[in-house]
N, C-alpha and C. Protein backbone atom coordinates (compact mmCIF):
# COMPACT_ATOMS: atom_id res chain seq x y z
N MET A 1 83.08 84.12 111.27
CA MET A 1 83.28 85.89 111.43
C MET A 1 83.80 84.99 109.92
N ARG A 2 83.55 86.45 109.09
CA ARG A 2 84.16 86.54 107.59
C ARG A 2 85.14 86.56 107.77
N GLU A 3 86.59 86.31 106.72
CA GLU A 3 87.70 86.33 106.42
C GLU A 3 87.64 87.91 105.49
N LYS A 4 88.58 88.48 106.42
CA LYS A 4 88.77 89.92 105.54
C LYS A 4 89.81 90.11 103.81
N LYS A 5 89.23 90.24 103.10
CA LYS A 5 89.75 90.46 102.14
C LYS A 5 91.03 91.54 102.37
N GLU A 6 92.35 90.84 101.24
CA GLU A 6 92.99 92.37 101.19
C GLU A 6 92.98 93.72 100.66
N ILE A 7 92.40 93.30 99.61
CA ILE A 7 91.59 95.08 99.08
C ILE A 7 90.54 95.85 99.90
N ASN A 8 89.79 94.77 100.99
CA ASN A 8 88.81 95.99 101.90
C ASN A 8 89.79 96.67 102.98
N ILE A 9 91.33 95.33 103.20
CA ILE A 9 91.83 95.90 104.77
C ILE A 9 92.53 97.20 104.06
N GLN A 10 93.00 97.15 102.48
CA GLN A 10 93.50 98.49 102.45
C GLN A 10 92.66 99.95 102.32
N ILE A 11 91.53 99.29 101.53
CA ILE A 11 90.93 100.76 101.52
C ILE A 11 89.78 100.33 102.78
N GLY A 12 90.06 100.53 103.49
CA GLY A 12 89.48 100.72 105.51
C GLY A 12 90.64 101.35 106.01
N GLU A 13 91.90 101.02 105.49
CA GLU A 13 93.03 101.99 106.48
C GLU A 13 92.51 103.05 105.28
N GLN A 14 92.95 103.03 104.44
CA GLN A 14 92.80 104.35 103.57
C GLN A 14 91.62 105.66 103.53
N VAL A 15 90.50 105.07 104.35
CA VAL A 15 89.49 105.89 104.33
C VAL A 15 89.46 106.73 105.77
N ARG A 16 90.37 105.68 107.01
CA ARG A 16 90.75 105.89 108.28
C ARG A 16 91.59 107.20 107.99
N VAL A 17 92.56 106.95 107.13
CA VAL A 17 93.64 107.72 107.39
C VAL A 17 93.02 109.39 106.59
N ALA A 18 92.00 109.00 105.32
CA ALA A 18 91.45 110.52 105.35
C ALA A 18 90.30 111.31 106.12
N ARG A 19 90.06 110.54 106.67
CA ARG A 19 89.00 110.81 107.59
C ARG A 19 89.79 111.77 108.99
N GLU A 20 90.59 110.97 109.57
CA GLU A 20 91.08 111.72 110.45
C GLU A 20 91.74 112.88 109.77
N GLN A 21 92.14 113.19 108.66
CA GLN A 21 92.66 114.27 108.46
C GLN A 21 91.78 115.49 108.17
N ALA A 22 90.46 115.03 107.66
CA ALA A 22 89.26 115.75 107.56
C ALA A 22 88.93 116.00 109.37
N LYS A 23 89.26 115.47 110.06
CA LYS A 23 89.07 115.98 111.56
C LYS A 23 87.48 115.45 111.64
N LEU A 24 87.06 114.26 111.37
CA LEU A 24 85.74 113.70 111.65
C LEU A 24 85.61 112.61 112.23
N THR A 25 85.03 112.53 113.13
CA THR A 25 84.59 111.66 114.18
C THR A 25 84.23 110.33 112.92
N GLN A 26 84.09 108.78 112.88
CA GLN A 26 83.14 108.19 112.45
C GLN A 26 82.29 108.18 112.57
N GLU A 27 81.03 109.21 113.85
CA GLU A 27 79.62 109.09 113.39
C GLU A 27 79.37 110.35 112.74
N GLN A 28 80.37 111.41 112.90
CA GLN A 28 80.19 112.79 112.01
C GLN A 28 80.20 112.27 110.44
N PHE A 29 81.10 111.39 109.88
CA PHE A 29 81.44 111.39 108.97
C PHE A 29 80.41 110.33 108.60
N ALA A 30 79.97 109.05 109.09
CA ALA A 30 78.79 108.17 108.40
C ALA A 30 77.55 109.41 108.55
N GLU A 31 77.45 109.83 109.27
CA GLU A 31 76.29 111.15 108.88
C GLU A 31 76.37 111.46 107.79
N ARG A 32 77.47 112.26 107.14
CA ARG A 32 77.91 112.94 105.75
C ARG A 32 78.10 111.81 104.81
N ILE A 33 77.93 110.19 104.87
CA ILE A 33 77.72 110.13 103.99
C ILE A 33 76.94 109.08 103.71
N GLU A 34 75.79 109.05 104.63
CA GLU A 34 74.50 108.48 104.69
C GLU A 34 74.77 107.03 104.74
N VAL A 35 75.84 106.52 105.75
CA VAL A 35 75.76 105.47 106.08
C VAL A 35 75.73 105.16 108.05
N SER A 36 75.78 104.47 108.71
CA SER A 36 75.51 103.97 109.71
C SER A 36 77.00 104.03 110.83
N PRO A 37 77.51 104.31 111.73
CA PRO A 37 78.55 104.16 112.21
C PRO A 37 79.21 103.07 112.50
N GLN A 38 78.19 102.11 112.50
CA GLN A 38 78.79 100.98 113.01
C GLN A 38 79.60 100.05 111.68
N TYR A 39 78.50 100.85 110.10
CA TYR A 39 79.76 100.54 108.97
C TYR A 39 81.01 100.93 108.63
N ILE A 40 80.61 102.22 108.77
CA ILE A 40 82.51 103.01 108.99
C ILE A 40 83.53 102.32 109.84
N SER A 41 82.96 102.00 111.28
CA SER A 41 83.96 100.67 111.80
C SER A 41 84.24 99.36 111.03
N ASP A 42 83.47 99.47 110.22
CA ASP A 42 83.47 97.98 110.50
C ASP A 42 84.98 98.22 108.31
N LEU A 43 84.18 99.25 108.10
CA LEU A 43 85.07 99.02 106.91
C LEU A 43 86.41 99.69 107.40
N GLU A 44 86.50 100.40 108.05
CA GLU A 44 88.27 101.34 108.30
C GLU A 44 88.65 99.38 108.94
N ARG A 45 88.23 98.92 109.14
CA ARG A 45 88.82 97.70 110.24
C ARG A 45 88.82 96.42 108.69
N GLY A 46 88.43 96.46 107.63
CA GLY A 46 88.25 95.46 106.33
C GLY A 46 87.43 94.64 106.62
N ILE A 47 86.38 94.83 107.44
CA ILE A 47 85.31 93.62 107.52
C ILE A 47 84.47 94.02 106.28
N VAL A 48 84.03 95.38 105.59
CA VAL A 48 82.97 95.03 104.80
C VAL A 48 83.73 95.54 103.64
N GLY A 49 82.97 95.45 102.96
CA GLY A 49 83.70 96.74 101.36
C GLY A 49 83.12 97.41 101.15
N ILE A 50 82.82 98.14 100.54
CA ILE A 50 82.15 99.37 99.83
C ILE A 50 81.51 99.39 97.88
N SER A 51 80.48 99.89 98.79
CA SER A 51 79.73 100.46 96.93
C SER A 51 80.40 101.37 96.31
N ILE A 52 80.02 101.48 95.11
CA ILE A 52 81.05 102.81 94.13
C ILE A 52 79.85 103.85 94.46
N SER A 53 78.56 104.12 94.91
CA SER A 53 77.73 104.60 95.14
C SER A 53 78.72 105.43 96.71
N THR A 54 78.55 105.22 97.64
CA THR A 54 79.22 105.29 99.02
C THR A 54 80.62 106.07 98.62
N LEU A 55 81.60 104.94 98.04
CA LEU A 55 82.46 105.76 97.08
C LEU A 55 82.58 106.92 96.68
N LYS A 56 81.74 107.38 96.18
CA LYS A 56 81.65 108.71 95.12
C LYS A 56 81.71 109.75 96.13
N ARG A 57 80.34 109.45 97.46
CA ARG A 57 80.03 110.38 98.24
C ARG A 57 80.54 110.32 99.20
N LEU A 58 82.10 109.58 99.66
CA LEU A 58 82.94 109.83 100.37
C LEU A 58 83.97 110.50 100.20
N PHE A 59 84.29 110.34 98.54
CA PHE A 59 85.21 111.21 98.22
C PHE A 59 85.33 112.19 97.61
N LEU A 60 83.88 113.21 97.86
CA LEU A 60 83.03 114.33 97.45
C LEU A 60 82.79 114.75 99.10
N THR A 61 82.54 114.30 99.76
CA THR A 61 82.53 114.27 101.72
C THR A 61 84.10 114.98 101.80
N LEU A 62 84.84 114.34 101.32
CA LEU A 62 86.12 114.81 102.09
C LEU A 62 87.01 115.53 101.00
N GLY A 63 86.39 115.82 99.81
CA GLY A 63 86.80 116.54 99.17
C GLY A 63 88.33 116.06 98.34
N ILE A 64 87.99 114.25 98.63
CA ILE A 64 89.93 114.08 97.64
C ILE A 64 89.23 112.94 96.45
N SER A 65 90.28 112.76 95.55
CA SER A 65 90.19 112.25 94.79
C SER A 65 90.30 110.47 94.93
N SER A 66 89.89 109.46 93.92
CA SER A 66 89.64 108.29 94.16
C SER A 66 91.30 107.55 94.14
N ASP A 67 92.19 108.30 93.39
CA ASP A 67 93.69 107.57 93.76
C ASP A 67 93.96 107.78 95.74
N GLN A 68 93.39 108.51 96.07
CA GLN A 68 93.88 108.91 97.29
C GLN A 68 93.70 107.25 97.72
N ILE A 69 92.58 106.73 97.70
CA ILE A 69 92.14 106.08 98.57
C ILE A 69 91.96 104.25 98.01
N LEU A 70 92.37 104.31 96.63
CA LEU A 70 92.27 103.40 95.75
C LEU A 70 93.90 102.57 94.94
N PHE A 71 94.51 104.01 95.02
CA PHE A 71 95.86 103.55 94.37
C PHE A 71 96.87 103.89 96.10
N ALA A 72 96.86 104.28 97.00
CA ALA A 72 97.74 104.85 98.27
C ALA A 72 98.85 104.06 98.11
N ASN A 73 98.88 102.70 97.69
CA ASN A 73 100.46 102.64 98.05
C ASN A 73 101.47 102.57 97.30
N ARG A 74 100.95 103.16 95.84
CA ARG A 74 101.58 103.56 94.63
C ARG A 74 102.42 104.76 95.33
N PRO A 75 103.09 105.02 94.89
CA PRO A 75 104.32 106.13 95.03
C PRO A 75 103.41 107.63 94.77
N ASN A 76 103.64 108.82 95.16
CA ASN A 76 103.37 109.73 94.63
C ASN A 76 103.97 110.47 94.39
N ASN A 77 103.73 111.18 93.10
CA ASN A 77 104.78 112.35 92.03
C ASN A 77 104.43 113.42 92.53
N ASN A 78 105.30 114.07 93.49
CA ASN A 78 105.72 115.40 94.02
C ASN A 78 105.29 116.76 92.67
N VAL A 79 104.21 116.16 92.65
CA VAL A 79 104.23 117.34 91.09
C VAL A 79 103.83 118.89 91.92
N ASP A 80 103.78 119.25 93.27
CA ASP A 80 103.99 121.14 93.55
C ASP A 80 105.18 121.50 94.06
N ALA A 81 106.21 120.51 94.08
CA ALA A 81 107.69 120.68 94.63
C ALA A 81 108.07 120.88 92.95
N VAL A 82 108.03 120.52 91.94
CA VAL A 82 108.59 120.56 90.57
C VAL A 82 107.49 121.74 90.13
N ALA A 83 106.47 122.48 90.40
CA ALA A 83 105.33 123.57 89.59
C ALA A 83 106.41 124.60 90.51
N GLU A 84 106.68 124.25 91.62
CA GLU A 84 107.30 125.39 92.38
C GLU A 84 108.88 125.88 91.97
N LYS A 85 109.12 124.87 91.29
CA LYS A 85 110.91 125.26 90.83
C LYS A 85 110.28 125.89 89.55
N CYS A 86 108.86 125.62 88.35
CA CYS A 86 109.11 126.06 87.58
C CYS A 86 109.32 127.41 87.25
N LYS A 87 108.28 127.73 88.88
CA LYS A 87 107.73 129.11 88.85
C LYS A 87 108.52 129.88 88.66
N ARG A 88 110.17 129.50 88.83
CA ARG A 88 111.47 130.75 89.57
C ARG A 88 111.81 130.81 87.96
N LEU A 89 111.47 130.18 86.76
CA LEU A 89 112.29 130.00 85.60
C LEU A 89 111.47 131.45 84.69
N SER A 90 112.36 131.93 83.94
CA SER A 90 112.00 132.64 83.13
C SER A 90 111.26 132.48 82.23
N PRO A 91 110.75 133.14 81.51
CA PRO A 91 109.59 132.60 80.76
C PRO A 91 110.36 131.98 79.15
N LYS A 92 111.69 132.24 79.06
CA LYS A 92 112.54 131.55 78.14
C LYS A 92 112.36 130.02 78.17
N GLN A 93 112.98 130.22 79.67
CA GLN A 93 113.56 128.33 80.25
C GLN A 93 112.44 127.97 80.54
N PHE A 94 111.21 128.14 80.73
CA PHE A 94 110.42 127.90 81.26
C PHE A 94 109.71 126.72 79.78
N SER A 95 109.40 127.59 78.67
CA SER A 95 109.23 127.21 77.60
C SER A 95 109.78 126.38 76.72
N ILE A 96 111.35 126.37 76.93
CA ILE A 96 112.47 125.15 76.75
C ILE A 96 112.30 124.16 77.76
N LEU A 97 111.97 123.90 79.13
CA LEU A 97 111.46 123.08 79.67
C LEU A 97 110.42 122.03 79.09
N SER A 98 108.99 123.05 79.36
CA SER A 98 107.52 122.32 78.18
C SER A 98 108.51 121.65 76.88
N ASP A 99 108.95 122.15 76.50
CA ASP A 99 109.58 121.46 75.06
C ASP A 99 110.14 120.28 75.02
N ILE A 100 110.82 120.04 76.79
CA ILE A 100 111.63 119.16 76.62
C ILE A 100 110.99 117.80 77.20
N ILE A 101 109.31 118.62 78.52
CA ILE A 101 108.40 117.49 78.66
C ILE A 101 107.80 116.98 77.59
N ASP A 102 107.73 118.15 77.02
CA ASP A 102 106.91 116.96 75.75
C ASP A 102 107.58 116.17 75.06
N LYS A 103 108.38 116.32 74.22
CA LYS A 103 109.15 115.51 73.96
C LYS A 103 109.97 114.14 74.22
N TYR A 104 110.03 114.37 75.92
CA TYR A 104 110.32 112.99 77.12
C TYR A 104 108.86 112.69 76.93
N ILE A 105 107.57 112.98 77.51
CA ILE A 105 106.50 112.63 76.96
C ILE A 105 106.33 111.60 75.87
N GLU A 106 106.27 112.11 74.85
CA GLU A 106 106.25 111.22 73.66
C GLU A 106 107.21 110.54 73.25
N ALA A 107 108.32 110.45 74.00
CA ALA A 107 109.24 109.40 73.75
C ALA A 107 108.73 107.98 74.51
N LEU A 108 108.00 108.69 75.38
CA LEU A 108 107.83 107.47 76.41
C LEU A 108 106.69 106.57 75.66
N ASP A 109 105.67 107.19 74.93
CA ASP A 109 104.39 107.08 73.82
C ASP A 109 103.69 106.92 74.85
N LEU A 110 103.33 107.87 75.46
CA LEU A 110 102.01 107.86 77.09
C LEU A 110 100.87 108.82 76.02
């Protein structure tokens, strides 16, 4: 039996989570991304890796970004929560906040 690579285990877990959130069975998902149900099972268990072309089909089928699968262990910035707060600002307040954010990012040299 092949030894599982840590990256395959992590990606497989995120694929499983994304597939379940999309409410797809392994069989339905396999059909949509043009692989076998056994491959999906092996992928989700970290037994096999995934090609770039299969990853692309996966992202398009599930309507998710690559970050969700590849960098799922990184903490996510809750942009939606900040955007909701910004919606309550007056145009003048929003302009000031926008300037502050621009200066902050500039200071970080991003």
